[in-house]
Amino acid sequence: MLPALLLASPAAAQSVDPHSVFTLRGECQTFVAGADDLTSICAGEVMQVVYTDGRMDLSIWTDDPSGRFFVLSGTATAEDGNLALAIDQITEGKDGSGNNNVDVNASGKCTLAGDPTSGPAQYTCDTTDDTGKTYKFALLTDGTAPENMLD
């Protein structure tokens, strides 16, 4: 899944290398895309990819049999000791192939409060795309160490 995702991501399209790629697991507390409440099919797993140019993708998996996924993309910074992602694009993968992705410009923010390498940490995202569709996502990591996908 990783190579298809990297090919589909905005930073990968610009030939920027990933600096770090981690998978984090936990409890999906909220996952809403417009009128669709996807919380019940949220896989409880995200992939955080930070690129060498400072961009970051946060990929949210679902248990939808079609392979549907979402990627929140933007610039990563530190904010009040937490990771902050200023979202400027959302990619919705309609299936796991990477061939049926829909990219939309967006504005909003994700934060990662806490250090997922030393215990549970909280992701919280709130963004709106250029069509007015809102996205809300919250995941509490389970406290296990993130899986480094570049090893």
C-alpha atoms as a PDB file:
ATOM      1  CA  MET A   1       0.000   0.000   0.000  1.00  0.00           C
ATOM      2  CA  LEU A   2       2.856   2.387   0.752  1.00  0.00           C
ATOM      3  CA  PRO A   3       4.235   2.683  -2.821  1.00  0.00           C
ATOM      4  CA  ALA A   4       0.751   3.373  -4.266  1.00  0.00           C
ATOM      5  CA  LEU A   5       0.125   5.971  -1.595  1.00  0.00           C
ATOM      6  CA  LEU A   6       3.443   7.709  -2.190  1.00  0.00           C
ATOM      7  CA  LEU A   7       2.688   7.841  -5.899  1.00  0.00           C
ATOM      8  CA  ALA A   8      -0.681   9.398  -5.107  1.00  0.00           C
ATOM      9  CA  SER A   9       0.567  11.997  -2.641  1.00  0.00           C
ATOM     10  CA  PRO A  10       1.116  15.641  -3.619  1.00  0.00           C
ATOM     11  CA  ALA A  11       4.718  15.711  -2.385  1.00  0.00           C
ATOM     12  CA  ALA A  12       5.607  12.504  -4.201  1.00  0.00           C
ATOM     13  CA  ALA A  13       4.275  14.009  -7.414  1.00  0.00           C
ATOM     14  CA  GLN A  14       6.873  16.764  -6.947  1.00  0.00           C
ATOM     15  CA  SER A  15       9.708  14.193  -6.625  1.00  0.00           C
ATOM     16  CA  VAL A  16      10.327  14.959  -2.948  1.00  0.00           C
ATOM     17  CA  ASP A  17      11.679  12.122  -0.833  1.00  0.00           C
ATOM     18  CA  PRO A  18      10.013  11.028   2.400  1.00  0.00           C
ATOM     19  CA  HIS A  19      12.022  11.941   5.490  1.00  0.00           C
ATOM     20  CA  SER A  20       9.964   9.729   7.809  1.00  0.00           C
ATOM     21  CA  VAL A  21       7.046   7.345   7.366  1.00  0.00           C
ATOM     22  CA  PHE A  22       5.248   6.044  10.440  1.00  0.00           C
ATOM     23  CA  THR A  23       2.100   4.018  10.935  1.00  0.00           C
ATOM     24  CA  LEU A  24       0.204   4.707  14.135  1.00  0.00           C
ATOM     25  CA  ARG A  25      -2.708   2.690  15.478  1.00  0.00           C
ATOM     26  CA  GLY A  26      -5.414   3.486  17.972  1.00  0.00           C
ATOM     27  CA  GLU A  27      -9.069   4.284  18.478  1.00  0.00           C
ATOM     28  CA  CYS A  28     -10.794   6.339  15.817  1.00  0.00           C
ATOM     29  CA  GLN A  29     -13.024   8.662  17.831  1.00  0.00           C
ATOM     30  CA  THR A  30     -14.443  10.750  14.982  1.00  0.00           C
ATOM     31  CA  PHE A  31     -14.220  10.593  11.206  1.00  0.00           C
ATOM     32  CA  VAL A  32     -16.666  12.727   9.243  1.00  0.00           C
ATOM     33  CA  ALA A  33     -16.376  13.766   5.579  1.00  0.00           C
ATOM     34  CA  GLY A  34     -19.198  16.148   4.725  1.00  0.00           C
ATOM     35  CA  ALA A  35     -22.513  14.393   5.389  1.00  0.00           C
ATOM     36  CA  ASP A  36     -20.782  10.982   5.669  1.00  0.00           C
ATOM     37  CA  ASP A  37     -20.033   9.767   9.185  1.00  0.00           C
ATOM     38  CA  LEU A  38     -17.225   7.282   8.523  1.00  0.00           C
ATOM     39  CA  THR A  39     -16.364   6.652  12.170  1.00  0.00           C
ATOM     40  CA  SER A  40     -17.751   3.099  12.080  1.00  0.00           C
ATOM     41  CA  ILE A  41     -15.526   2.152   9.107  1.00  0.00           C
ATOM     42  CA  CYS A  42     -12.432   4.056  10.257  1.00  0.00           C
ATOM     43  CA  ALA A  43      -9.634   1.488  10.451  1.00  0.00           C
ATOM     44  CA  GLY A  44      -8.028   3.027  13.553  1.00  0.00           C
ATOM     45  CA  GLU A  45      -4.756   3.398  11.662  1.00  0.00           C
ATOM     46  CA  VAL A  46      -3.009   6.383  10.105  1.00  0.00           C
ATOM     47  CA  MET A  47       0.199   6.831   8.168  1.00  0.00           C
ATOM     48  CA  GLN A  48       2.201   9.980   8.814  1.00  0.00           C
ATOM     49  CA  VAL A  49       4.651  10.834   6.027  1.00  0.00           C
ATOM     50  CA  VAL A  50       6.966  13.822   6.472  1.00  0.00           C
ATOM     51  CA  TYR A  51       8.886  14.855   3.368  1.00  0.00           C
ATOM     52  CA  THR A  52      12.301  16.500   3.104  1.00  0.00           C
ATOM     53  CA  ASP A  53      10.671  19.801   2.070  1.00  0.00           C
ATOM     54  CA  GLY A  54       8.620  20.012   5.306  1.00  0.00           C
ATOM     55  CA  ARG A  55       5.328  18.864   3.779  1.00  0.00           C
ATOM     56  CA  MET A  56       3.397  16.140   5.492  1.00  0.00           C
ATOM     57  CA  ASP A  57       0.664  13.704   4.514  1.00  0.00           C
ATOM     58  CA  LEU A  58      -1.649  12.176   7.082  1.00  0.00           C
ATOM     59  CA  SER A  59      -3.342   9.179   5.497  1.00  0.00           C
ATOM     60  CA  ILE A  60      -6.507   7.851   7.087  1.00  0.00           C
ATOM     61  CA  TRP A  61      -7.536   4.299   6.240  1.00  0.00           C
ATOM     62  CA  THR A  62     -11.040   2.887   6.230  1.00  0.00           C
ATOM     63  CA  ASP A  63     -12.353  -0.659   6.422  1.00  0.00           C
ATOM     64  CA  ASP A  64     -14.515   0.042   3.355  1.00  0.00           C
ATOM     65  CA  PRO A  65     -14.223  -3.022   1.072  1.00  0.00           C
ATOM     66  CA  SER A  66     -13.490  -0.672  -1.843  1.00  0.00           C
ATOM     67  CA  GLY A  67     -10.238   0.467  -0.189  1.00  0.00           C
ATOM     68  CA  ARG A  68     -11.393   4.074   0.310  1.00  0.00           C
ATOM     69  CA  PHE A  69      -8.861   6.334   2.057  1.00  0.00           C
ATOM     70  CA  PHE A  70      -8.185  10.024   2.689  1.00  0.00           C
ATOM     71  CA  VAL A  71      -4.933  12.003   2.720  1.00  0.00           C
ATOM     72  CA  LEU A  72      -4.714  15.357   4.486  1.00  0.00           C
ATOM     73  CA  SER A  73      -1.691  17.212   3.149  1.00  0.00           C
ATOM     74  CA  GLY A  74       0.108  20.441   4.003  1.00  0.00           C
ATOM     75  CA  THR A  75       3.042  21.975   5.826  1.00  0.00           C
ATOM     76  CA  ALA A  76       4.157  20.494   9.147  1.00  0.00           C
ATOM     77  CA  THR A  77       5.452  22.688  11.950  1.00  0.00           C
ATOM     78  CA  ALA A  78       5.867  22.591  15.701  1.00  0.00           C
ATOM     79  CA  GLU A  79       3.207  24.499  17.634  1.00  0.00           C
ATOM     80  CA  ASP A  80       3.124  24.714  21.435  1.00  0.00           C
ATOM     81  CA  GLY A  81       5.284  21.580  21.641  1.00  0.00           C
ATOM     82  CA  ASN A  82       2.952  19.610  19.373  1.00  0.00           C
ATOM     83  CA  LEU A  83       3.016  18.691  15.698  1.00  0.00           C
ATOM     84  CA  ALA A  84       0.766  20.927  13.601  1.00  0.00           C
ATOM     85  CA  LEU A  85      -0.269  20.282  10.012  1.00  0.00           C
ATOM     86  CA  ALA A  86      -1.579  23.293   8.042  1.00  0.00           C
ATOM     87  CA  ILE A  87      -3.797  21.496   5.536  1.00  0.00           C
ATOM     88  CA  ASP A  88      -3.932  22.841   1.987  1.00  0.00           C
ATOM     89  CA  GLN A  89      -5.084  19.727   0.098  1.00  0.00           C
ATOM     90  CA  ILE A  90      -7.269  16.675   0.653  1.00  0.00           C
ATOM     91  CA  THR A  91      -7.061  13.564  -1.484  1.00  0.00           C
ATOM     92  CA  GLU A  92      -9.872  11.055  -1.377  1.00  0.00           C
ATOM     93  CA  GLY A  93      -8.969   7.658  -2.734  1.00  0.00           C
ATOM     94  CA  LYS A  94     -12.158   6.078  -3.995  1.00  0.00           C
ATOM     95  CA  ASP A  95     -10.472   2.668  -4.003  1.00  0.00           C
ATOM     96  CA  GLY A  96      -7.100   1.211  -3.094  1.00  0.00           C
ATOM     97  CA  SER A  97      -5.732   1.369  -6.655  1.00  0.00           C
ATOM     98  CA  GLY A  98      -4.547   4.983  -6.504  1.00  0.00           C
ATOM     99  CA  ASN A  99      -6.106   5.513  -9.961  1.00  0.00           C
ATOM    100  CA  ASN A 100      -9.398   6.991  -8.773  1.00  0.00           C
ATOM    101  CA  ASN A 101      -8.205   9.726  -6.445  1.00  0.00           C
ATOM    102  CA  VAL A 102      -9.910  13.102  -6.138  1.00  0.00           C
ATOM    103  CA  ASP A 103      -7.740  16.051  -5.048  1.00  0.00           C
ATOM    104  CA  VAL A 104      -9.304  19.243  -3.672  1.00  0.00           C
ATOM    105  CA  ASN A 105      -7.744  22.350  -2.198  1.00  0.00           C
ATOM    106  CA  ALA A 106      -8.571  22.840   1.456  1.00  0.00           C
ATOM    107  CA  SER A 107      -7.756  24.850   4.546  1.00  0.00           C
ATOM    108  CA  GLY A 108      -7.640  23.672   8.104  1.00  0.00           C
ATOM    109  CA  LYS A 109      -5.392  22.069  10.641  1.00  0.00           C
ATOM    110  CA  CYS A 110      -4.419  18.800  12.285  1.00  0.00           C
ATOM    111  CA  THR A 111      -2.548  18.597  15.546  1.00  0.00           C
ATOM    112  CA  LEU A 112      -0.783  15.720  17.227  1.00  0.00           C
ATOM    113  CA  ALA A 113      -0.787  16.371  20.976  1.00  0.00           C
ATOM    114  CA  GLY A 114       1.623  14.217  22.921  1.00  0.00           C
ATOM    115  CA  ASP A 115       4.488  11.978  21.937  1.00  0.00           C
ATOM    116  CA  PRO A 116       3.284   8.720  20.353  1.00  0.00           C
ATOM    117  CA  THR A 117       6.703   7.124  21.000  1.00  0.00           C
ATOM    118  CA  SER A 118       6.216   7.360  24.774  1.00  0.00           C
ATOM    119  CA  GLY A 119       2.501   6.650  25.200  1.00  0.00           C
ATOM    120  CA  PRO A 120      -0.918   7.579  23.831  1.00  0.00           C
ATOM    121  CA  ALA A 121      -1.127  10.739  21.717  1.00  0.00           C
ATOM    122  CA  GLN A 122      -4.125  12.551  20.240  1.00  0.00           C
ATOM    123  CA  TYR A 123      -4.620  13.461  16.579  1.00  0.00           C
ATOM    124  CA  THR A 124      -7.312  16.049  15.947  1.00  0.00           C
ATOM    125  CA  CYS A 125      -8.148  17.429  12.485  1.00  0.00           C
ATOM    126  CA  ASP A 126     -10.674  20.003  11.340  1.00  0.00           C
ATOM    127  CA  THR A 127     -10.676  21.250   7.750  1.00  0.00           C
ATOM    128  CA  THR A 128     -12.895  22.456   4.931  1.00  0.00           C
ATOM    129  CA  ASP A 129     -12.297  21.909   1.229  1.00  0.00           C
ATOM    130  CA  ASP A 130     -12.884  24.487  -1.496  1.00  0.00           C
ATOM    131  CA  THR A 131     -16.342  23.055  -2.205  1.00  0.00           C
ATOM    132  CA  GLY A 132     -17.390  23.740   1.391  1.00  0.00           C
ATOM    133  CA  LYS A 133     -17.240  20.096   2.507  1.00  0.00           C
ATOM    134  CA  THR A 134     -16.011  19.782   6.093  1.00  0.00           C
ATOM    135  CA  TYR A 135     -13.815  17.027   7.482  1.00  0.00           C
ATOM    136  CA  LYS A 136     -13.355  16.130  11.142  1.00  0.00           C
ATOM    137  CA  PHE A 137     -11.038  13.429  12.395  1.00  0.00           C
ATOM    138  CA  ALA A 138      -9.853  12.382  15.847  1.00  0.00           C
ATOM    139  CA  LEU A 139      -7.714   9.392  16.762  1.00  0.00           C
ATOM    140  CA  LEU A 140      -6.235   8.466  20.126  1.00  0.00           C
ATOM    141  CA  THR A 141      -3.144   6.316  19.554  1.00  0.00           C
ATOM    142  CA  ASP A 142      -2.961   3.090  21.534  1.00  0.00           C
ATOM    143  CA  GLY A 143       0.390   3.886  23.157  1.00  0.00           C
ATOM    144  CA  THR A 144       2.394   1.315  21.216  1.00  0.00           C
ATOM    145  CA  ALA A 145       5.436   2.617  19.377  1.00  0.00           C
ATOM    146  CA  PRO A 146       4.734   3.838  15.832  1.00  0.00           C
ATOM    147  CA  GLU A 147       5.850   1.432  13.112  1.00  0.00           C
ATOM    148  CA  ASN A 148       8.659   2.921  11.023  1.00  0.00           C
ATOM    149  CA  MET A 149       7.868   2.061   7.412  1.00  0.00           C
ATOM    150  CA  LEU A 150      11.310   3.099   6.108  1.00  0.00           C
ATOM    151  CA  ASP A 151      13.214   0.450   8.049  1.00  0.00           C
END
